[in-house]
Amino acid sequence: MATVGRGAQAPARWQLIACGLALLASCLLAASAGAFVSTLPPLFSAALTLDPAAKLPAPTRYLYRAIHTTVMPGVEAPLRTRLEARVPAALGDVLAFYRTELRKLGWQEQQDDAVVSADHARLAFVSPIGPAALELDRKDGSTSVHLVQKNSAVAARANVLPEPGQAKLVFSNIGDNEAVLAINERTIPRPAGANAVALDLVPGKYAYGLSVPGRQATTNMLTVAAGDTWELTVGRDGEAWPPLQLY
């Protein structure tokens, strides 16, 4: 019986040793597997890739995307093209994507005008056809994109190119009655059917009023920056349209 007892205890000790070896082996296997897995590429890359179908550079991944163009009658090429998008990526990744892709297109970043922080970036560029700007904002786990490119040759052909350091305002009246614009201590009347008139403005913020006989005058504020061209229009029904940035 003593022999049987010792015989029964011996397998138990070997079982403990075997369990210990098995546990050690499993730990080594897990560590080896962990080291191996960590060297594998991620299943889904966070890198942003260019969408070749976009009119202005844009990544293939987006939550929202729209393109807007401003055109003049009789001119096919737009005066101004604007891309608006929301991208599910960090601001730094979106910024790196645009700096890379715009450089490939020959856009020259104006380093002195760059503003970059954790949740906002604004860059100015000179593109092959005119000035351009990129603005990024980080919000709600994604990054909004506002990219604008202007066409200087088209603006010059349409006679809406501002003088250097100035802004330009175009006043149009396509209604059936005379319309009057009051801005910057000037009163500018335009008869019905008359051609648009343009005036140069120093960059800044201006109060203006538009009046048409038989209608209540419209008053508003307009902020203009150097190099921008805006249009104020009185429609066919005599109603003042919201300001439109032409260039």
Protein backbone atom coordinates (compact mmCIF):
# COMPACT_ATOMS: atom_id res chain seq x y z
CA MET A 1 0.00 0.00 0.00
CA ALA A 2 2.91 2.29 0.73
CA THR A 3 4.23 1.51 -2.74
CA VAL A 4 0.89 2.25 -4.26
CA GLY A 5 0.73 5.51 -2.30
CA ARG A 6 4.15 6.61 -3.55
CA GLY A 7 3.19 5.45 -6.97
CA ALA A 8 0.03 7.62 -6.83
CA GLN A 9 2.01 10.68 -5.69
CA ALA A 10 4.68 10.42 -8.34
CA PRO A 11 2.33 11.12 -11.32
CA ALA A 12 0.90 14.12 -9.42
CA ARG A 13 4.35 15.69 -9.11
CA TRP A 14 5.04 15.00 -12.78
CA GLN A 15 1.63 16.47 -13.59
CA LEU A 16 2.54 19.72 -11.81
CA ILE A 17 5.85 19.85 -13.67
CA ALA A 18 4.10 19.08 -16.94
CA CYS A 19 1.52 21.83 -16.29
CA GLY A 20 4.30 24.24 -15.49
CA LEU A 21 6.14 23.34 -18.68
CA ALA A 22 2.90 23.62 -20.66
CA LEU A 23 2.17 27.02 -19.14
CA LEU A 24 5.69 28.19 -19.88
CA ALA A 25 5.45 26.90 -23.43
CA SER A 26 2.11 28.67 -23.94
CA CYS A 27 3.56 31.93 -22.59
CA LEU A 28 6.54 31.61 -24.92
CA LEU A 29 4.22 30.84 -27.80
CA ALA A 30 2.02 33.85 -27.00
CA ALA A 31 5.05 36.11 -26.73
CA SER A 32 6.41 34.78 -30.01
CA ALA A 33 3.03 35.19 -31.70
CA GLY A 34 2.69 38.72 -30.32
CA ALA A 35 6.09 39.68 -31.65
CA PHE A 36 5.24 38.20 -35.03
CA VAL A 37 1.83 39.88 -35.33
CA SER A 38 3.25 43.29 -34.43
CA THR A 39 5.41 43.23 -37.54
CA LEU A 40 2.47 42.63 -39.90
CA PRO A 41 1.07 45.61 -41.88
CA PRO A 42 -2.33 46.89 -40.67
CA LEU A 43 -5.36 45.38 -42.35
CA PHE A 44 -6.73 48.85 -43.16
CA SER A 45 -4.24 51.60 -43.97
CA ALA A 46 -4.89 55.04 -42.48
CA ALA A 47 -3.09 56.68 -45.42
CA LEU A 48 -5.19 58.97 -47.61
CA THR A 49 -5.15 58.32 -51.35
CA LEU A 50 -6.02 60.72 -54.15
CA ASP A 51 -9.38 60.43 -55.89
CA PRO A 52 -8.57 60.87 -59.60
CA ALA A 53 -12.18 61.87 -60.35
CA ALA A 54 -12.14 64.97 -58.12
CA LYS A 55 -11.90 68.37 -59.86
CA LEU A 56 -9.70 69.64 -57.06
CA PRO A 57 -7.44 67.26 -55.10
CA ALA A 58 -9.46 65.21 -52.59
CA PRO A 59 -8.98 61.88 -50.79
CA THR A 60 -11.05 58.84 -51.70
CA ARG A 61 -12.31 58.56 -48.11
CA TYR A 62 -14.79 61.25 -47.12
CA LEU A 63 -18.02 61.77 -45.20
CA TYR A 64 -19.15 64.65 -47.40
CA ARG A 65 -17.82 66.31 -50.53
CA ALA A 66 -19.07 69.05 -52.87
CA ILE A 67 -17.55 71.20 -55.61
CA HIS A 68 -18.68 74.76 -56.37
CA THR A 69 -17.71 76.91 -59.35
CA THR A 70 -18.27 80.58 -60.16
CA VAL A 71 -18.60 81.31 -63.87
CA MET A 72 -19.18 84.34 -66.10
CA PRO A 73 -21.54 84.31 -69.10
CA GLY A 74 -19.70 83.38 -72.29
CA VAL A 75 -16.62 82.08 -70.43
CA GLU A 76 -16.30 78.32 -70.06
CA ALA A 77 -13.54 78.17 -67.46
CA PRO A 78 -14.63 79.09 -63.92
CA LEU A 79 -13.40 82.23 -62.19
CA ARG A 80 -13.23 80.37 -58.90
CA THR A 81 -13.47 76.70 -57.92
CA ARG A 82 -14.16 75.64 -54.34
CA LEU A 83 -14.00 72.19 -52.77
CA GLU A 84 -15.77 71.48 -49.49
CA ALA A 85 -15.33 68.11 -47.81
CA ARG A 86 -15.31 66.33 -44.48
CA VAL A 87 -12.68 63.61 -44.10
CA PRO A 88 -12.62 60.94 -41.35
CA ALA A 89 -8.94 61.47 -40.55
CA ALA A 90 -6.72 63.49 -38.24
CA LEU A 91 -5.94 67.05 -39.26
CA GLY A 92 -2.24 66.27 -39.49
CA ASP A 93 -2.89 63.43 -41.94
CA VAL A 94 -5.16 65.59 -44.11
CA LEU A 95 -2.62 68.41 -44.06
CA ALA A 96 0.17 66.05 -45.12
CA PHE A 97 -2.02 64.68 -47.93
CA TYR A 98 -2.71 68.15 -49.34
CA ARG A 99 0.86 69.38 -49.06
CA THR A 100 1.99 66.31 -51.00
CA GLU A 101 -0.71 66.34 -53.69
CA LEU A 102 -0.72 70.10 -54.27
CA ARG A 103 3.06 70.11 -54.60
CA LYS A 104 2.74 67.48 -57.34
CA LEU A 105 0.43 69.87 -59.23
CA GLY A 106 2.92 72.71 -59.07
CA TRP A 107 1.18 74.67 -56.29
CA GLN A 108 3.72 76.73 -54.35
CA GLU A 109 2.97 77.12 -50.66
CA GLN A 110 3.52 80.61 -49.23
CA GLN A 111 5.32 79.60 -46.04
CA ASP A 112 5.13 83.04 -44.43
CA ASP A 113 1.32 82.95 -44.53
CA ALA A 114 0.91 79.45 -43.06
CA VAL A 115 -1.07 79.07 -39.81
CA VAL A 116 -1.08 75.56 -38.30
CA SER A 117 -2.35 74.40 -34.91
CA ALA A 118 -3.76 71.17 -33.47
CA ASP A 119 -7.31 71.86 -34.67
CA HIS A 120 -6.91 74.46 -37.45
CA ALA A 121 -4.71 75.11 -40.47
CA ARG A 122 -4.71 77.77 -43.15
CA LEU A 123 -2.26 77.77 -46.04
CA ALA A 124 -1.90 80.13 -49.00
CA PHE A 125 -0.65 78.94 -52.39
CA VAL A 126 0.22 80.22 -55.82
CA SER A 127 -1.19 77.69 -58.29
CA PRO A 128 -0.37 77.53 -62.02
CA ILE A 129 -3.56 79.48 -62.84
CA GLY A 130 -3.82 81.85 -59.87
CA PRO A 131 -3.95 82.26 -56.10
CA ALA A 132 -5.34 79.48 -53.94
CA ALA A 133 -5.98 78.73 -50.27
CA LEU A 134 -6.52 75.67 -48.08
CA GLU A 135 -8.32 75.76 -44.74
CA LEU A 136 -8.70 72.75 -42.41
CA ASP A 137 -10.65 72.45 -39.16
CA ARG A 138 -10.79 69.51 -36.76
CA LYS A 139 -14.21 68.85 -35.23
CA ASP A 140 -16.31 65.87 -34.06
CA GLY A 141 -13.69 63.28 -34.95
CA SER A 142 -13.17 64.41 -38.56
CA THR A 143 -11.48 67.20 -40.52
CA SER A 144 -13.32 69.72 -42.68
CA VAL A 145 -11.65 70.84 -45.90
CA HIS A 146 -12.14 74.18 -47.67
CA LEU A 147 -9.94 74.41 -50.78
CA VAL A 148 -10.21 77.34 -53.23
CA GLN A 149 -8.44 78.01 -56.51
CA LYS A 150 -8.84 81.21 -58.58
CA ASN A 151 -8.21 81.70 -62.29
CA SER A 152 -6.45 85.03 -62.84
CA ALA A 153 -6.58 84.93 -66.64
CA VAL A 154 -10.36 84.42 -66.64
CA ALA A 155 -10.82 87.20 -64.08
CA ALA A 156 -8.79 89.60 -66.23
CA ARG A 157 -10.79 88.64 -69.33
CA ALA A 158 -14.05 89.25 -67.44
CA ASN A 159 -12.70 92.59 -66.08
CA VAL A 160 -13.16 91.54 -62.45
CA LEU A 161 -9.51 91.12 -61.45
CA PRO A 162 -8.74 93.32 -58.41
CA GLU A 163 -5.79 95.67 -58.33
CA PRO A 164 -2.86 94.42 -56.21
CA GLY A 165 -3.66 94.81 -52.52
CA GLN A 166 -7.24 95.85 -53.28
CA ALA A 167 -10.66 94.19 -53.40
CA LYS A 168 -13.24 94.70 -56.11
CA LEU A 169 -17.04 94.98 -55.86
CA VAL A 170 -19.33 94.46 -58.86
CA PHE A 171 -22.86 95.92 -58.71
CA SER A 172 -25.47 94.42 -61.08
CA ASN A 173 -29.12 95.34 -61.61
CA ILE A 174 -31.16 92.94 -63.75
CA GLY A 175 -34.52 94.19 -62.49
CA ASP A 176 -37.12 96.35 -64.22
CA ASN A 177 -36.50 99.44 -62.07
CA GLU A 178 -33.54 101.56 -61.08
CA ALA A 179 -31.54 100.21 -58.13
CA VAL A 180 -29.22 102.18 -55.88
CA LEU A 181 -26.22 100.90 -53.94
CA ALA A 182 -24.93 102.89 -50.97
CA ILE A 183 -21.48 101.84 -49.72
CA ASN A 184 -18.32 103.47 -48.40
CA GLU A 185 -19.95 106.92 -48.41
CA ARG A 186 -20.85 106.54 -52.08
CA THR A 187 -24.24 106.29 -53.77
CA ILE A 188 -24.24 104.34 -57.03
CA PRO A 189 -27.46 104.22 -59.10
CA ARG A 190 -27.92 101.65 -61.86
CA PRO A 191 -30.80 101.97 -64.33
CA ALA A 192 -32.76 98.89 -65.32
CA GLY A 193 -30.88 96.83 -67.88
CA ALA A 194 -27.63 98.79 -67.48
CA ASN A 195 -24.29 97.04 -67.51
CA ALA A 196 -22.69 96.10 -64.20
CA VAL A 197 -20.37 98.61 -62.58
CA ALA A 198 -17.23 97.80 -60.57
CA LEU A 199 -15.50 99.72 -57.83
CA ASP A 200 -12.26 99.12 -55.94
CA LEU A 201 -12.30 98.85 -52.15
CA VAL A 202 -9.64 98.82 -49.48
CA PRO A 203 -9.79 95.44 -47.68
CA GLY A 204 -12.08 95.67 -44.68
CA LYS A 205 -15.67 95.47 -43.45
CA TYR A 206 -18.37 97.61 -45.05
CA ALA A 207 -21.99 98.40 -44.32
CA TYR A 208 -24.06 98.70 -47.49
CA GLY A 209 -27.64 99.31 -48.57
CA LEU A 210 -29.58 98.37 -51.69
CA SER A 211 -32.80 100.17 -52.53
CA VAL A 212 -35.42 99.78 -55.27
CA PRO A 213 -38.58 101.88 -55.66
CA GLY A 214 -41.56 100.20 -54.02
CA ARG A 215 -39.41 97.89 -51.89
CA GLN A 216 -37.95 98.17 -48.43
CA ALA A 217 -34.23 98.93 -48.54
CA THR A 218 -31.85 96.03 -47.77
CA THR A 219 -28.94 96.68 -45.42
CA ASN A 220 -26.12 94.30 -44.63
CA MET A 221 -22.39 93.96 -43.97
CA LEU A 222 -19.74 92.81 -46.41
CA THR A 223 -16.16 91.84 -45.53
CA VAL A 224 -13.67 91.94 -48.38
CA ALA A 225 -10.05 90.76 -48.43
CA ALA A 226 -7.22 91.77 -50.71
CA GLY A 227 -7.46 89.90 -54.01
CA ASP A 228 -11.18 89.10 -53.65
CA THR A 229 -13.99 90.15 -55.96
CA TRP A 230 -17.61 90.19 -54.77
CA GLU A 231 -20.87 90.82 -56.58
CA LEU A 232 -24.04 92.49 -55.31
CA THR A 233 -27.06 91.92 -57.54
CA VAL A 234 -30.64 93.15 -57.64
CA GLY A 235 -32.78 90.42 -59.21
CA ARG A 236 -35.55 90.70 -61.80
CA ASP A 237 -38.19 90.97 -59.09
CA GLY A 238 -36.30 93.82 -57.40
CA GLU A 239 -35.07 91.66 -54.52
CA ALA A 240 -31.46 91.97 -53.39
CA TRP A 241 -29.52 88.74 -53.75
CA PRO A 242 -27.01 87.62 -51.09
CA PRO A 243 -23.41 88.68 -51.79
CA LEU A 244 -21.58 86.32 -54.15
CA GLN A 245 -17.83 85.93 -54.24
CA LEU A 246 -16.82 85.90 -57.89
CA TYR A 247 -13.06 85.65 -57.46
